[in-house]
C-alpha atoms as a PDB file:
ATOM      1  CA  UNK A   1     -38.817  17.922  -2.752  1.00  0.00           C
ATOM      2  CA  UNK A   2     -39.483  19.210  -6.761  1.00  0.00           C
ATOM      3  CA  UNK A   3     -38.973  22.008  -8.749  1.00  0.00           C
ATOM      4  CA  UNK A   4     -36.054  24.557  -9.777  1.00  0.00           C
ATOM      5  CA  UNK A   5     -32.366  23.525  -9.339  1.00  0.00           C
ATOM      6  CA  UNK A   6     -32.428  19.708  -9.244  1.00  0.00           C
ATOM      7  CA  UNK A   7     -29.806  18.012 -11.208  1.00  0.00           C
ATOM      8  CA  UNK A   8     -28.919  14.602 -11.898  1.00  0.00           C
ATOM      9  CA  UNK A   9     -25.558  13.110 -13.163  1.00  0.00           C
ATOM     10  CA  UNK A  10     -24.263   9.656 -13.934  1.00  0.00           C
ATOM     11  CA  UNK A  11     -20.913   9.069 -12.680  1.00  0.00           C
ATOM     12  CA  UNK A  12     -18.483   5.929 -13.067  1.00  0.00           C
ATOM     13  CA  UNK A  13     -15.145   6.015 -11.166  1.00  0.00           C
ATOM     14  CA  UNK A  14     -11.969   4.063 -11.920  1.00  0.00           C
ATOM     15  CA  UNK A  15      -8.949   2.871  -9.503  1.00  0.00           C
ATOM     16  CA  UNK A  16      -9.086   1.061  -6.373  1.00  0.00           C
ATOM     17  CA  UNK A  17     -12.649   1.033  -5.267  1.00  0.00           C
ATOM     18  CA  UNK A  18     -13.004  -2.511  -4.549  1.00  0.00           C
ATOM     19  CA  UNK A  19     -12.795  -3.659  -0.861  1.00  0.00           C
ATOM     20  CA  UNK A  20     -12.397  -0.568   0.644  1.00  0.00           C
ATOM     21  CA  UNK A  21     -15.725   0.772   1.579  1.00  0.00           C
ATOM     22  CA  UNK A  22     -15.890   3.246  -1.243  1.00  0.00           C
ATOM     23  CA  UNK A  23     -19.737   2.611  -1.892  1.00  0.00           C
ATOM     24  CA  UNK A  24     -20.259   3.001   1.840  1.00  0.00           C
ATOM     25  CA  UNK A  25     -18.681   6.380   2.232  1.00  0.00           C
ATOM     26  CA  UNK A  26     -20.213   7.358  -0.757  1.00  0.00           C
ATOM     27  CA  UNK A  27     -23.613   6.812   0.585  1.00  0.00           C
ATOM     28  CA  UNK A  28     -22.514   8.443   3.878  1.00  0.00           C
ATOM     29  CA  UNK A  29     -21.521  11.197   1.940  1.00  0.00           C
ATOM     30  CA  UNK A  30     -24.568  11.749   0.005  1.00  0.00           C
ATOM     31  CA  UNK A  31     -26.404  11.755   3.208  1.00  0.00           C
ATOM     32  CA  UNK A  32     -24.435  14.323   4.652  1.00  0.00           C
ATOM     33  CA  UNK A  33     -25.355  16.470   1.384  1.00  0.00           C
ATOM     34  CA  UNK A  34     -29.247  15.481   0.955  1.00  0.00           C
ATOM     35  CA  UNK A  35     -28.141  13.735  -2.210  1.00  0.00           C
ATOM     36  CA  UNK A  36     -30.430  10.815  -3.589  1.00  0.00           C
ATOM     37  CA  UNK A  37     -29.672   8.043  -5.919  1.00  0.00           C
ATOM     38  CA  UNK A  38     -27.448   4.968  -6.084  1.00  0.00           C
ATOM     39  CA  UNK A  39     -24.292   3.360  -6.617  1.00  0.00           C
ATOM     40  CA  UNK A  40     -23.285   0.251  -7.784  1.00  0.00           C
ATOM     41  CA  UNK A  41     -19.833  -0.534  -8.042  1.00  0.00           C
ATOM     42  CA  UNK A  42     -18.005   1.863  -8.264  1.00  0.00           C
ATOM     43  CA  UNK A  43     -23.672  16.435  -5.292  1.00  0.00           C
ATOM     44  CA  UNK A  44     -23.958  20.927  -3.932  1.00  0.00           C
ATOM     45  CA  UNK A  45     -23.111  18.914  -7.017  1.00  0.00           C
ATOM     46  CA  UNK A  46     -19.809  20.256  -8.271  1.00  0.00           C
ATOM     47  CA  UNK A  47     -17.997  20.073  -4.404  1.00  0.00           C
ATOM     48  CA  UNK A  48     -19.422  16.292  -4.500  1.00  0.00           C
ATOM     49  CA  UNK A  49     -18.060  15.771  -7.802  1.00  0.00           C
ATOM     50  CA  UNK A  50     -14.713  16.922  -6.602  1.00  0.00           C
ATOM     51  CA  UNK A  51     -15.179  14.576  -3.542  1.00  0.00           C
ATOM     52  CA  UNK A  52     -15.808  11.439  -6.234  1.00  0.00           C
ATOM     53  CA  UNK A  53     -12.862  12.357  -8.370  1.00  0.00           C
ATOM     54  CA  UNK A  54     -10.387  13.370  -5.499  1.00  0.00           C
ATOM     55  CA  UNK A  55     -11.263  11.884  -2.114  1.00  0.00           C
ATOM     56  CA  UNK A  56     -13.447   8.668  -1.725  1.00  0.00           C
ATOM     57  CA  UNK A  57     -13.146   6.365   0.963  1.00  0.00           C
ATOM     58  CA  UNK A  58      -9.834   6.431   3.137  1.00  0.00           C
ATOM     59  CA  UNK A  59      -7.983   3.290   1.539  1.00  0.00           C
ATOM     60  CA  UNK A  60      -9.573   4.074  -2.241  1.00  0.00           C
ATOM     61  CA  UNK A  61      -7.263   5.129  -4.784  1.00  0.00           C
ATOM     62  CA  UNK A  62      -9.157   7.104  -7.449  1.00  0.00           C
ATOM     63  CA  UNK A  63      -7.284   7.106 -10.852  1.00  0.00           C
ATOM     64  CA  UNK A  64     -10.275   8.724 -12.651  1.00  0.00           C
ATOM     65  CA  UNK A  65     -13.962   9.610 -12.786  1.00  0.00           C
ATOM     66  CA  UNK A  66     -16.080  10.108 -15.444  1.00  0.00           C
ATOM     67  CA  UNK A  67     -19.615  12.074 -15.516  1.00  0.00           C
ATOM     68  CA  UNK A  68     -22.159  11.759 -18.053  1.00  0.00           C
ATOM     69  CA  UNK A  69     -25.515  12.733 -19.010  1.00  0.00           C
ATOM     70  CA  UNK A  70     -25.733  15.973 -16.705  1.00  0.00           C
ATOM     71  CA  UNK A  71     -29.115  17.415 -16.817  1.00  0.00           C
ATOM     72  CA  UNK A  72     -31.725  19.262 -15.038  1.00  0.00           C
ATOM     73  CA  UNK A  73     -34.827  17.438 -13.771  1.00  0.00           C
ATOM     74  CA  UNK A  74     -37.788  18.604 -12.336  1.00  0.00           C
ATOM     75  CA  UNK A  75     -38.793  15.943  -9.838  1.00  0.00           C
ATOM     76  CA  UNK A  76     -36.507  13.454  -7.480  1.00  0.00           C
ATOM     77  CA  UNK A  77     -36.518   9.818  -9.099  1.00  0.00           C
ATOM     78  CA  UNK A  78     -35.307   8.449  -5.516  1.00  0.00           C
ATOM     79  CA  UNK A  79     -35.985   9.436  -1.945  1.00  0.00           C
ATOM     80  CA  UNK A  80     -32.480   8.347  -0.454  1.00  0.00           C
ATOM     81  CA  UNK A  81     -28.962   7.002  -1.780  1.00  0.00           C
ATOM     82  CA  UNK A  82     -28.817   3.344  -1.697  1.00  0.00           C
ATOM     83  CA  UNK A  83     -26.013   0.697  -2.580  1.00  0.00           C
ATOM     84  CA  UNK A  84     -26.948  -1.889  -5.230  1.00  0.00           C
ATOM     85  CA  UNK A  85     -25.033  -5.021  -5.614  1.00  0.00           C
END
């Protein structure tokens, strides 16, 4: 998938996101919306940003979420959404 309308954004989530399956739920949610990329520890882009800021996994507590380097891209850099360790 290449072309018009592709966006990229870096994000960092702060709060209770360890041990509550936050990364797993982020990967599942990304897949539902055909998003690709990766998450380490811790977009339809605007509603996904809201999901990251307000929802997360069922047991997480999100204190804040920062988005940086949002930009238009010409081609995808990833083929799926993965969890890195």
